[in-house]
């Protein structure tokens, strides 16, 4: 099986269109089409393709001795542009993209969504335009980074510091976002709600 055939097989296994794959790895559809037809080789984008499908460079190029081995199973989750107060996550229609996560992450009934970052409050760890993978859960431990919602504001990603008196939301870039402290009564009245734990950051800014 040559590279073009391998690319087509992977794309079809992941139920993606040529345009979707091209967009995810940062090329136009015509460029990608030439790879599937065998006119050109995706040498400069092997890293992106490998990460997208969870397979080796050799597998993509057909050089692997175990080239017929199936790639690891993946599950697509939605990338949400915004999360507004009062709207259940399952009902949000602002889906701007999709990301793949390993299927085994879902064991035990765990659920995940992705959120596109807006602003620079979490630089230099998370940049504007990056995508974070979030495991849905109603609470996190002190020191962890979470997706949270405060009152009627859209969801934001911040480091959480828990104290006996309340919770502090911390942006890693203090020049953009100064730490905000919320007392226990404020947490209940606003309310301040944890949507989930950030488990992975996927850089999208070149």
N, C-alpha and C. Protein backbone atom coordinates (compact mmCIF):
# COMPACT_ATOMS: atom_id res chain seq x y z
N UNK A 1 0.85 -1.20 0.00
CA UNK A 1 0.00 0.00 0.00
C UNK A 1 0.88 1.25 0.00
N UNK A 2 0.68 2.14 -0.98
CA UNK A 2 1.51 3.33 -1.06
C UNK A 2 0.98 4.43 -0.14
N UNK A 3 1.70 5.56 -0.12
CA UNK A 3 1.35 6.64 0.81
C UNK A 3 -0.04 7.20 0.54
N UNK A 4 -0.37 7.42 -0.72
CA UNK A 4 -1.68 7.96 -1.06
C UNK A 4 -2.81 7.06 -0.60
N UNK A 5 -2.64 5.76 -0.84
CA UNK A 5 -3.65 4.80 -0.41
C UNK A 5 -3.76 4.76 1.11
N UNK A 6 -2.61 4.84 1.78
CA UNK A 6 -2.60 4.84 3.24
C UNK A 6 -3.33 6.07 3.78
N UNK A 7 -3.08 7.24 3.19
CA UNK A 7 -3.74 8.46 3.64
C UNK A 7 -5.25 8.37 3.46
N UNK A 8 -5.68 7.85 2.32
CA UNK A 8 -7.11 7.72 2.07
C UNK A 8 -7.75 6.75 3.06
N UNK A 9 -7.06 5.63 3.32
CA UNK A 9 -7.59 4.64 4.26
C UNK A 9 -7.75 5.24 5.66
N UNK A 10 -6.71 5.96 6.13
CA UNK A 10 -6.77 6.58 7.45
C UNK A 10 -7.91 7.59 7.53
N UNK A 11 -8.01 8.41 6.50
CA UNK A 11 -9.05 9.44 6.50
C UNK A 11 -10.44 8.82 6.57
N UNK A 12 -10.65 7.76 5.81
CA UNK A 12 -11.96 7.11 5.80
C UNK A 12 -12.24 6.40 7.12
N UNK A 13 -11.20 5.85 7.74
CA UNK A 13 -11.40 5.20 9.04
C UNK A 13 -11.83 6.20 10.10
N UNK A 14 -11.32 7.43 9.98
CA UNK A 14 -11.67 8.46 10.94
C UNK A 14 -12.89 9.27 10.50
N UNK A 15 -13.49 8.84 9.37
CA UNK A 15 -14.72 9.47 8.87
C UNK A 15 -14.57 10.98 8.70
N UNK A 16 -13.50 11.37 7.99
CA UNK A 16 -13.23 12.77 7.74
C UNK A 16 -13.19 13.03 6.24
N UNK A 17 -13.51 14.24 5.85
CA UNK A 17 -13.40 14.64 4.46
C UNK A 17 -11.99 15.12 4.16
N UNK A 18 -11.64 15.22 2.89
CA UNK A 18 -10.33 15.75 2.52
C UNK A 18 -10.16 17.17 3.03
N UNK A 19 -11.21 17.95 2.97
CA UNK A 19 -11.14 19.34 3.43
C UNK A 19 -10.90 19.42 4.93
N UNK A 20 -11.54 18.53 5.70
CA UNK A 20 -11.36 18.52 7.14
C UNK A 20 -9.92 18.17 7.52
N UNK A 21 -9.36 17.16 6.85
CA UNK A 21 -7.98 16.77 7.14
C UNK A 21 -7.03 17.89 6.78
N UNK A 22 -7.22 18.47 5.59
CA UNK A 22 -6.35 19.55 5.14
C UNK A 22 -6.35 20.72 6.13
N UNK A 23 -7.54 21.05 6.63
CA UNK A 23 -7.65 22.17 7.58
C UNK A 23 -6.93 21.86 8.89
N UNK A 24 -7.04 20.62 9.37
CA UNK A 24 -6.43 20.25 10.63
C UNK A 24 -4.91 20.26 10.58
N UNK A 25 -4.33 19.93 9.42
CA UNK A 25 -2.87 19.86 9.33
C UNK A 25 -2.27 21.11 8.69
N UNK A 26 -3.12 22.08 8.34
CA UNK A 26 -2.62 23.37 7.89
C UNK A 26 -2.21 23.47 6.44
N UNK A 27 -2.95 22.79 5.56
CA UNK A 27 -2.70 22.91 4.11
C UNK A 27 -4.04 23.12 3.43
N UNK A 28 -4.00 23.48 2.14
CA UNK A 28 -5.26 23.60 1.41
C UNK A 28 -5.67 22.24 0.83
N UNK A 29 -6.90 22.15 0.39
CA UNK A 29 -7.44 20.86 -0.06
C UNK A 29 -6.71 20.35 -1.30
N UNK A 30 -6.32 21.26 -2.20
CA UNK A 30 -5.63 20.84 -3.42
C UNK A 30 -4.30 20.17 -3.10
N UNK A 31 -3.57 20.77 -2.14
CA UNK A 31 -2.30 20.17 -1.72
C UNK A 31 -2.52 18.78 -1.16
N UNK A 32 -3.53 18.65 -0.30
CA UNK A 32 -3.81 17.35 0.29
C UNK A 32 -4.24 16.34 -0.78
N UNK A 33 -5.06 16.77 -1.71
CA UNK A 33 -5.54 15.88 -2.77
C UNK A 33 -4.37 15.28 -3.55
N UNK A 34 -3.34 16.07 -3.79
CA UNK A 34 -2.17 15.58 -4.53
C UNK A 34 -1.43 14.50 -3.75
N UNK A 35 -1.54 14.54 -2.41
CA UNK A 35 -0.92 13.47 -1.61
C UNK A 35 -1.69 12.17 -1.77
N UNK A 36 -3.02 12.25 -1.76
CA UNK A 36 -3.82 11.03 -1.88
C UNK A 36 -3.71 10.42 -3.28
N UNK A 37 -3.54 11.26 -4.27
CA UNK A 37 -3.41 10.73 -5.64
C UNK A 37 -2.00 10.26 -5.95
N UNK A 38 -1.05 10.57 -5.06
CA UNK A 38 0.34 10.14 -5.26
C UNK A 38 1.17 11.09 -6.08
N UNK A 39 0.59 12.26 -6.43
CA UNK A 39 1.34 13.24 -7.24
C UNK A 39 2.48 13.84 -6.42
N UNK A 40 2.24 14.07 -5.12
CA UNK A 40 3.27 14.61 -4.23
C UNK A 40 3.30 13.79 -2.93
N UNK A 41 4.34 14.02 -2.12
CA UNK A 41 4.49 13.34 -0.84
C UNK A 41 4.38 14.35 0.30
N UNK A 42 3.74 13.98 1.41
CA UNK A 42 3.51 14.91 2.53
C UNK A 42 4.69 15.00 3.50
N UNK A 43 5.89 15.12 2.97
CA UNK A 43 7.09 15.05 3.82
C UNK A 43 7.08 16.11 4.91
N UNK A 44 6.71 17.35 4.56
CA UNK A 44 6.78 18.44 5.53
C UNK A 44 5.65 18.42 6.54
N UNK A 45 4.66 17.56 6.34
CA UNK A 45 3.53 17.50 7.26
C UNK A 45 3.37 16.13 7.91
N UNK A 46 4.44 15.35 7.91
CA UNK A 46 4.37 14.02 8.52
C UNK A 46 4.05 14.10 10.01
N UNK A 47 4.63 15.08 10.69
CA UNK A 47 4.40 15.22 12.13
C UNK A 47 2.91 15.46 12.41
N UNK A 48 2.31 16.37 11.66
CA UNK A 48 0.90 16.70 11.88
C UNK A 48 -0.01 15.51 11.56
N UNK A 49 0.30 14.80 10.47
CA UNK A 49 -0.51 13.64 10.10
C UNK A 49 -0.36 12.53 11.13
N UNK A 50 0.86 12.33 11.60
CA UNK A 50 1.12 11.31 12.61
C UNK A 50 0.34 11.59 13.88
N UNK A 51 0.33 12.84 14.32
CA UNK A 51 -0.39 13.20 15.54
C UNK A 51 -1.90 13.12 15.34
N UNK A 52 -2.37 13.46 14.15
CA UNK A 52 -3.80 13.43 13.86
C UNK A 52 -4.36 12.02 13.97
N UNK A 53 -3.63 11.05 13.40
CA UNK A 53 -4.14 9.68 13.34
C UNK A 53 -3.55 8.75 14.40
N UNK A 54 -2.50 9.18 15.07
CA UNK A 54 -1.89 8.33 16.07
C UNK A 54 -1.11 7.17 15.49
N UNK A 55 -0.41 7.41 14.38
CA UNK A 55 0.40 6.36 13.74
C UNK A 55 1.80 6.90 13.50
N UNK A 56 2.74 6.00 13.16
CA UNK A 56 4.12 6.41 12.94
C UNK A 56 4.33 7.00 11.55
N UNK A 57 5.48 7.68 11.37
CA UNK A 57 5.85 8.20 10.06
C UNK A 57 5.95 7.05 9.06
N UNK A 58 6.59 5.95 9.49
CA UNK A 58 6.78 4.81 8.60
C UNK A 58 5.45 4.21 8.16
N UNK A 59 4.49 4.22 9.08
CA UNK A 59 3.16 3.70 8.73
C UNK A 59 2.56 4.54 7.61
N UNK A 60 2.68 5.87 7.73
CA UNK A 60 2.13 6.76 6.70
C UNK A 60 2.81 6.53 5.36
N UNK A 61 4.13 6.35 5.39
CA UNK A 61 4.90 6.21 4.16
C UNK A 61 4.92 4.79 3.62
N UNK A 62 4.34 3.84 4.38
CA UNK A 62 4.30 2.47 3.92
C UNK A 62 5.59 1.72 4.13
N UNK A 63 6.47 2.22 5.02
CA UNK A 63 7.77 1.57 5.23
C UNK A 63 7.78 0.65 6.45
N UNK A 64 6.71 0.68 7.24
CA UNK A 64 6.66 -0.10 8.48
C UNK A 64 6.45 -1.57 8.17
N UNK A 65 7.20 -2.41 8.84
CA UNK A 65 7.04 -3.85 8.64
C UNK A 65 5.65 -4.30 9.08
N UNK A 66 5.03 -3.54 9.97
CA UNK A 66 3.69 -3.87 10.43
C UNK A 66 2.70 -2.84 9.86
N UNK A 67 2.88 -2.50 8.62
CA UNK A 67 2.12 -1.41 8.02
C UNK A 67 0.63 -1.69 7.94
N UNK A 68 0.23 -2.94 7.98
CA UNK A 68 -1.19 -3.24 7.87
C UNK A 68 -1.91 -3.13 9.21
N UNK A 69 -1.12 -2.90 10.28
CA UNK A 69 -1.71 -2.77 11.60
C UNK A 69 -2.63 -1.56 11.64
N UNK A 70 -3.77 -1.71 12.27
CA UNK A 70 -4.73 -0.62 12.37
C UNK A 70 -4.23 0.44 13.33
N UNK A 71 -4.52 1.72 13.09
CA UNK A 71 -4.12 2.77 14.03
C UNK A 71 -4.95 2.69 15.31
N UNK A 72 -4.47 3.37 16.33
CA UNK A 72 -5.21 3.34 17.58
C UNK A 72 -6.58 3.97 17.38
N UNK A 73 -7.54 3.47 18.13
CA UNK A 73 -8.90 3.98 18.00
C UNK A 73 -8.97 5.40 18.52
N UNK A 74 -9.74 6.22 17.86
CA UNK A 74 -9.90 7.60 18.28
C UNK A 74 -11.36 7.99 18.29
N UNK A 75 -11.69 8.96 19.12
CA UNK A 75 -13.05 9.46 19.22
C UNK A 75 -13.02 10.96 19.02
N UNK A 76 -13.94 11.46 18.21
CA UNK A 76 -13.99 12.89 17.97
C UNK A 76 -14.84 13.58 19.04
N UNK A 77 -14.33 14.71 19.52
CA UNK A 77 -15.09 15.53 20.47
C UNK A 77 -15.20 16.94 19.90
N UNK A 78 -16.25 17.68 20.25
CA UNK A 78 -16.44 19.01 19.67
C UNK A 78 -15.52 20.06 20.29
N UNK A 79 -15.05 20.98 19.46
CA UNK A 79 -14.36 22.17 19.93
C UNK A 79 -15.39 23.29 20.01
N UNK A 80 -15.62 23.80 21.20
CA UNK A 80 -16.62 24.84 21.40
C UNK A 80 -15.97 26.21 21.36
N UNK A 81 -16.63 27.13 20.66
CA UNK A 81 -16.10 28.48 20.57
C UNK A 81 -16.39 29.27 21.83
N UNK A 82 -17.60 29.10 22.37
CA UNK A 82 -17.99 29.76 23.60
C UNK A 82 -18.90 28.84 24.40
N UNK A 83 -18.91 29.03 25.70
CA UNK A 83 -19.85 28.33 26.58
C UNK A 83 -20.56 29.40 27.38
N UNK A 84 -21.85 29.59 27.11
CA UNK A 84 -22.61 30.64 27.76
C UNK A 84 -23.30 30.10 29.01
N UNK A 85 -23.51 30.99 29.97
CA UNK A 85 -24.17 30.61 31.22
C UNK A 85 -25.58 30.11 30.95
N UNK A 86 -25.98 29.09 31.68
CA UNK A 86 -27.34 28.59 31.60
C UNK A 86 -27.61 27.62 30.47
N UNK A 87 -26.61 27.36 29.62
CA UNK A 87 -26.81 26.45 28.49
C UNK A 87 -26.08 25.14 28.78
N UNK A 88 -26.80 24.02 28.85
CA UNK A 88 -26.14 22.73 29.09
C UNK A 88 -25.10 22.45 28.01
N UNK A 89 -23.99 21.82 28.39
CA UNK A 89 -22.92 21.56 27.43
C UNK A 89 -23.42 20.76 26.23
N UNK A 90 -24.31 19.81 26.48
CA UNK A 90 -24.79 18.96 25.39
C UNK A 90 -25.68 19.73 24.41
N UNK A 91 -26.14 20.92 24.81
CA UNK A 91 -27.05 21.69 23.96
C UNK A 91 -26.34 22.82 23.21
N UNK A 92 -25.06 23.00 23.45
CA UNK A 92 -24.33 24.09 22.81
C UNK A 92 -24.16 23.82 21.32
N UNK A 93 -24.51 24.80 20.51
CA UNK A 93 -24.43 24.64 19.06
C UNK A 93 -23.23 25.35 18.45
N UNK A 94 -22.47 26.05 19.27
CA UNK A 94 -21.30 26.79 18.77
C UNK A 94 -20.10 25.86 18.63
N UNK A 95 -20.25 24.83 17.76
CA UNK A 95 -19.17 23.88 17.49
C UNK A 95 -18.36 24.39 16.31
N UNK A 96 -17.08 24.71 16.54
CA UNK A 96 -16.27 25.32 15.50
C UNK A 96 -15.26 24.34 14.88
N UNK A 97 -15.08 23.19 15.51
CA UNK A 97 -14.11 22.22 14.99
C UNK A 97 -14.28 20.92 15.76
N UNK A 98 -13.42 19.96 15.45
CA UNK A 98 -13.43 18.68 16.15
C UNK A 98 -12.00 18.28 16.47
N UNK A 99 -11.81 17.59 17.59
CA UNK A 99 -10.51 17.05 17.96
C UNK A 99 -10.65 15.56 18.26
N UNK A 100 -9.54 14.84 18.11
CA UNK A 100 -9.53 13.41 18.40
C UNK A 100 -8.91 13.16 19.78
N UNK A 101 -9.52 12.25 20.53
CA UNK A 101 -8.93 11.79 21.78
C UNK A 101 -8.92 10.26 21.76
N UNK A 102 -8.02 9.62 22.51
CA UNK A 102 -8.00 8.15 22.55
C UNK A 102 -9.31 7.59 23.09
N UNK A 103 -9.76 6.53 22.50
CA UNK A 103 -11.03 5.92 22.90
C UNK A 103 -10.99 5.44 24.36
N UNK A 104 -9.81 5.00 24.81
CA UNK A 104 -9.75 4.48 26.18
C UNK A 104 -9.92 5.56 27.24
N UNK A 105 -9.85 6.83 26.84
CA UNK A 105 -10.12 7.90 27.81
C UNK A 105 -11.57 7.86 28.30
N UNK A 106 -12.45 7.26 27.53
CA UNK A 106 -13.88 7.26 27.85
C UNK A 106 -14.27 6.14 28.80
N UNK A 107 -13.29 5.31 29.17
CA UNK A 107 -13.60 4.22 30.09
C UNK A 107 -14.10 4.77 31.42
N UNK A 108 -15.07 4.08 31.97
CA UNK A 108 -15.63 4.52 33.25
C UNK A 108 -16.67 5.61 33.10
N UNK A 109 -17.04 5.92 31.87
CA UNK A 109 -18.08 6.92 31.64
C UNK A 109 -17.59 8.36 31.59
N UNK A 110 -16.28 8.56 31.53
CA UNK A 110 -15.75 9.93 31.46
C UNK A 110 -16.20 10.62 30.17
N UNK A 111 -16.43 11.91 30.25
CA UNK A 111 -16.83 12.71 29.09
C UNK A 111 -15.86 13.86 28.91
N UNK A 112 -15.68 14.27 27.65
CA UNK A 112 -14.73 15.32 27.32
C UNK A 112 -15.33 16.28 26.30
N UNK A 113 -14.83 17.51 26.33
CA UNK A 113 -15.09 18.48 25.28
C UNK A 113 -13.84 19.31 25.10
N UNK A 114 -13.78 20.07 24.04
CA UNK A 114 -12.63 20.94 23.78
C UNK A 114 -13.10 22.39 23.72
N UNK A 115 -12.22 23.29 24.10
CA UNK A 115 -12.56 24.71 24.14
C UNK A 115 -11.45 25.52 23.51
N UNK A 116 -11.80 26.40 22.58
CA UNK A 116 -10.80 27.27 21.95
C UNK A 116 -10.53 28.47 22.85
N UNK A 117 -9.25 28.71 23.12
CA UNK A 117 -8.86 29.78 24.03
C UNK A 117 -8.92 31.15 23.34
N UNK A 118 -9.47 32.11 24.07
CA UNK A 118 -9.53 33.49 23.57
C UNK A 118 -8.81 34.39 24.57
N UNK A 119 -7.82 35.12 24.09
CA UNK A 119 -7.08 36.02 24.97
C UNK A 119 -5.78 35.41 25.47
N UNK A 120 -4.98 36.25 26.14
CA UNK A 120 -3.65 35.84 26.55
C UNK A 120 -3.45 35.71 28.04
N UNK A 121 -4.53 35.48 28.79
CA UNK A 121 -4.41 35.46 30.25
C UNK A 121 -3.64 34.25 30.78
N UNK A 122 -3.50 33.20 29.96
CA UNK A 122 -2.80 31.99 30.43
C UNK A 122 -1.44 31.80 29.75
N UNK A 123 -0.96 32.82 29.05
CA UNK A 123 0.39 32.73 28.49
C UNK A 123 1.42 32.76 29.62
N UNK A 124 2.55 32.07 29.48
CA UNK A 124 3.05 31.42 28.27
C UNK A 124 2.69 29.95 28.14
N UNK A 125 1.82 29.45 29.00
CA UNK A 125 1.46 28.02 28.92
C UNK A 125 0.40 27.76 27.85
N UNK A 126 -0.59 28.64 27.77
CA UNK A 126 -1.68 28.48 26.82
C UNK A 126 -1.85 29.80 26.08
N UNK A 127 -1.85 29.74 24.75
CA UNK A 127 -1.91 30.96 23.94
C UNK A 127 -3.28 31.16 23.30
N UNK A 128 -3.54 32.39 22.93
CA UNK A 128 -4.76 32.73 22.20
C UNK A 128 -4.84 31.87 20.94
N UNK A 129 -5.96 31.19 20.76
CA UNK A 129 -6.14 30.33 19.59
C UNK A 129 -5.85 28.87 19.84
N UNK A 130 -5.18 28.55 20.96
CA UNK A 130 -4.94 27.15 21.30
C UNK A 130 -6.26 26.47 21.66
N UNK A 131 -6.23 25.15 21.64
CA UNK A 131 -7.40 24.37 22.03
C UNK A 131 -7.04 23.53 23.25
N UNK A 132 -7.90 23.53 24.26
CA UNK A 132 -7.67 22.70 25.44
C UNK A 132 -8.70 21.58 25.47
N UNK A 133 -8.24 20.39 25.88
CA UNK A 133 -9.12 19.26 26.06
C UNK A 133 -9.55 19.23 27.52
N UNK A 134 -10.84 19.18 27.75
CA UNK A 134 -11.39 19.30 29.10
C UNK A 134 -12.18 18.05 29.47
N UNK A 135 -11.85 17.48 30.62
CA UNK A 135 -12.61 16.36 31.17
C UNK A 135 -13.72 16.91 32.05
N UNK A 136 -14.95 16.59 31.71
CA UNK A 136 -16.08 17.11 32.46
C UNK A 136 -16.07 16.59 33.89
N UNK A 137 -16.08 17.51 34.84
CA UNK A 137 -16.19 17.16 36.26
C UNK A 137 -16.51 18.42 37.03
N UNK A 138 -17.26 18.30 38.12
CA UNK A 138 -17.76 19.48 38.84
C UNK A 138 -16.78 20.12 39.80
N UNK A 139 -15.62 19.47 40.04
CA UNK A 139 -14.65 20.06 40.95
C UNK A 139 -13.24 19.61 40.57
N UNK A 140 -12.25 20.38 41.00
CA UNK A 140 -10.84 20.06 40.74
C UNK A 140 -10.06 20.30 42.02
N UNK A 141 -8.79 19.89 42.03
CA UNK A 141 -7.94 20.10 43.18
C UNK A 141 -7.24 21.45 43.08
N UNK A 142 -6.84 21.98 44.20
CA UNK A 142 -6.12 23.25 44.22
C UNK A 142 -4.82 23.13 43.42
N UNK A 143 -4.56 24.12 42.56
CA UNK A 143 -3.37 24.11 41.73
C UNK A 143 -3.59 23.60 40.33
N UNK A 144 -4.77 23.02 40.07
CA UNK A 144 -5.06 22.51 38.73
C UNK A 144 -5.67 23.60 37.86
N UNK A 145 -5.61 23.38 36.55
CA UNK A 145 -6.19 24.32 35.59
C UNK A 145 -7.53 23.77 35.14
N UNK A 146 -8.53 24.64 35.13
CA UNK A 146 -9.89 24.18 34.85
C UNK A 146 -10.63 25.18 33.96
N UNK A 147 -11.68 24.67 33.34
CA UNK A 147 -12.63 25.53 32.64
C UNK A 147 -13.70 25.90 33.65
N UNK A 148 -13.92 27.18 33.84
CA UNK A 148 -14.87 27.63 34.86
C UNK A 148 -15.79 28.69 34.27
N UNK A 149 -16.92 28.87 34.95
CA UNK A 149 -17.87 29.90 34.55
C UNK A 149 -18.24 30.71 35.78
N UNK A 150 -18.20 32.02 35.64
CA UNK A 150 -18.52 32.91 36.76
C UNK A 150 -19.74 33.74 36.37
N UNK A 151 -20.83 33.53 37.09
CA UNK A 151 -22.04 34.28 36.82
C UNK A 151 -22.54 34.10 35.41
N UNK A 152 -22.81 35.22 34.74
CA UNK A 152 -23.33 35.19 33.37
C UNK A 152 -22.24 35.34 32.31
N UNK A 153 -20.97 35.29 32.77
CA UNK A 153 -19.87 35.42 31.81
C UNK A 153 -19.65 34.10 31.07
N UNK A 154 -19.02 34.18 29.90
CA UNK A 154 -18.68 32.97 29.16
C UNK A 154 -17.60 32.20 29.90
N UNK A 155 -17.48 30.93 29.60
CA UNK A 155 -16.50 30.09 30.28
C UNK A 155 -15.08 30.60 30.02
N UNK A 156 -14.22 30.41 31.02
CA UNK A 156 -12.83 30.82 30.91
C UNK A 156 -11.95 29.71 31.47
N UNK A 157 -10.68 29.74 31.13
CA UNK A 157 -9.73 28.73 31.64
C UNK A 157 -8.76 29.42 32.58
N UNK A 158 -8.69 28.95 33.80
CA UNK A 158 -7.83 29.56 34.81
C UNK A 158 -7.27 28.49 35.75
N UNK A 159 -6.17 28.83 36.42
CA UNK A 159 -5.63 27.99 37.47
C UNK A 159 -6.45 28.23 38.73
N UNK A 160 -6.77 27.16 39.44
CA UNK A 160 -7.63 27.25 40.61
C UNK A 160 -6.81 27.12 41.89
N UNK A 161 -7.01 28.06 42.82
CA UNK A 161 -6.42 27.95 44.14
C UNK A 161 -7.54 27.94 45.16
N UNK A 162 -7.61 26.85 45.94
CA UNK A 162 -8.69 26.68 46.90
C UNK A 162 -8.17 26.97 48.31
N UNK A 163 -8.90 27.81 49.03
CA UNK A 163 -8.56 28.13 50.42
C UNK A 163 -9.80 27.89 51.28
N UNK A 164 -9.64 27.88 52.60
CA UNK A 164 -10.81 27.71 53.47
C UNK A 164 -11.84 28.83 53.29
N UNK A 165 -11.39 30.00 52.84
CA UNK A 165 -12.30 31.14 52.70
C UNK A 165 -12.99 31.21 51.34
N UNK A 166 -12.46 30.48 50.35
CA UNK A 166 -13.05 30.57 49.02
C UNK A 166 -12.12 30.05 47.94
N UNK A 167 -12.26 30.61 46.74
CA UNK A 167 -11.50 30.15 45.57
C UNK A 167 -10.90 31.35 44.85
N UNK A 168 -9.65 31.19 44.41
CA UNK A 168 -9.01 32.22 43.61
C UNK A 168 -8.79 31.69 42.19
N UNK A 169 -9.17 32.51 41.21
CA UNK A 169 -8.89 32.18 39.81
C UNK A 169 -7.65 32.94 39.40
N UNK A 170 -6.66 32.21 38.87
CA UNK A 170 -5.36 32.80 38.58
C UNK A 170 -5.04 32.66 37.10
N UNK A 171 -4.77 33.79 36.45
CA UNK A 171 -4.25 33.78 35.10
C UNK A 171 -2.72 33.80 35.17
N UNK A 172 -2.07 32.99 34.36
CA UNK A 172 -0.61 32.93 34.44
C UNK A 172 0.05 34.21 33.95
N UNK A 173 -0.66 34.99 33.16
CA UNK A 173 -0.16 36.27 32.66
C UNK A 173 -0.83 37.38 33.47
N UNK A 174 -0.18 37.78 34.55
CA UNK A 174 -0.78 38.75 35.47
C UNK A 174 -1.00 40.12 34.84
N UNK A 175 -0.26 40.44 33.77
CA UNK A 175 -0.44 41.74 33.12
C UNK A 175 -1.77 41.80 32.36
N UNK A 176 -2.34 40.64 32.07
CA UNK A 176 -3.61 40.57 31.36
C UNK A 176 -4.76 40.29 32.32
N UNK A 177 -4.49 39.43 33.31
CA UNK A 177 -5.56 39.01 34.22
C UNK A 177 -5.01 38.91 35.63
N UNK A 178 -5.42 39.83 36.49
CA UNK A 178 -5.00 39.76 37.88
C UNK A 178 -5.83 38.69 38.60
N UNK A 179 -5.24 38.02 39.59
CA UNK A 179 -5.99 36.99 40.32
C UNK A 179 -7.29 37.55 40.89
N UNK A 180 -8.36 36.77 40.78
CA UNK A 180 -9.66 37.15 41.31
C UNK A 180 -10.06 36.16 42.41
N UNK A 181 -10.37 36.70 43.59
CA UNK A 181 -10.77 35.85 44.71
C UNK A 181 -12.29 35.92 44.89
N UNK A 182 -12.89 34.75 45.13
CA UNK A 182 -14.33 34.66 45.35
C UNK A 182 -14.58 33.94 46.68
N UNK A 183 -15.32 34.59 47.56
CA UNK A 183 -15.64 33.99 48.85
C UNK A 183 -16.65 32.86 48.66
N UNK A 184 -16.79 32.04 49.67
CA UNK A 184 -17.75 30.94 49.60
C UNK A 184 -19.17 31.43 49.31
N UNK A 185 -19.65 32.51 49.97
CA UNK A 185 -20.98 33.03 49.62
C UNK A 185 -21.07 33.49 48.17
N UNK A 186 -20.00 34.12 47.65
CA UNK A 186 -20.01 34.57 46.26
C UNK A 186 -20.05 33.38 45.30
N UNK A 187 -19.33 32.31 45.64
CA UNK A 187 -19.32 31.12 44.80
C UNK A 187 -20.73 30.58 44.62
N UNK A 188 -21.51 30.65 45.70
CA UNK A 188 -22.88 30.13 45.65
C UNK A 188 -23.85 31.10 45.00
N UNK A 189 -23.65 32.40 45.20
CA UNK A 189 -24.61 33.39 44.69
C UNK A 189 -24.39 33.73 43.22
N UNK A 190 -23.16 33.72 42.75
CA UNK A 190 -22.92 34.15 41.36
C UNK A 190 -23.61 33.24 40.32
N UNK A 191 -23.48 31.96 40.25
CA UNK A 191 -22.51 31.14 40.99
C UNK A 191 -21.20 31.00 40.22
N UNK A 192 -20.18 30.45 40.88
CA UNK A 192 -18.95 30.06 40.22
C UNK A 192 -19.01 28.55 40.02
N UNK A 193 -18.91 28.13 38.77
CA UNK A 193 -19.11 26.72 38.44
C UNK A 193 -17.91 26.15 37.70
N UNK A 194 -17.38 25.03 38.17
CA UNK A 194 -16.31 24.32 37.47
C UNK A 194 -16.94 23.42 36.42
N UNK A 195 -16.52 23.59 35.17
CA UNK A 195 -17.04 22.75 34.08
C UNK A 195 -16.20 21.50 33.87
N UNK A 196 -14.89 21.61 34.17
CA UNK A 196 -14.05 20.44 33.98
C UNK A 196 -12.58 20.75 34.13
N UNK A 197 -11.79 19.70 34.16
CA UNK A 197 -10.34 19.77 34.33
C UNK A 197 -9.65 19.79 32.96
N UNK A 198 -8.74 20.73 32.76
CA UNK A 198 -7.96 20.78 31.52
C UNK A 198 -6.90 19.68 31.58
N UNK A 199 -6.98 18.73 30.65
CA UNK A 199 -6.07 17.58 30.66
C UNK A 199 -5.02 17.65 29.56
N UNK A 200 -5.24 18.52 28.58
CA UNK A 200 -4.27 18.63 27.48
C UNK A 200 -4.42 19.97 26.79
N UNK A 201 -3.29 20.53 26.37
CA UNK A 201 -3.27 21.76 25.58
C UNK A 201 -2.74 21.42 24.19
N UNK A 202 -3.47 21.81 23.16
CA UNK A 202 -3.05 21.56 21.80
C UNK A 202 -2.78 22.90 21.12
N UNK A 203 -1.50 23.17 20.91
CA UNK A 203 -1.11 24.44 20.32
C UNK A 203 -1.57 24.56 18.89
N UNK A 204 -2.20 25.67 18.56
CA UNK A 204 -2.69 25.92 17.21
C UNK A 204 -2.02 27.13 16.58
N UNK A 205 -1.17 27.81 17.35
CA UNK A 205 -0.52 29.02 16.86
C UNK A 205 0.87 28.66 16.37
N UNK A 206 1.17 28.99 15.11
CA UNK A 206 2.49 28.67 14.55
C UNK A 206 3.51 29.71 14.96
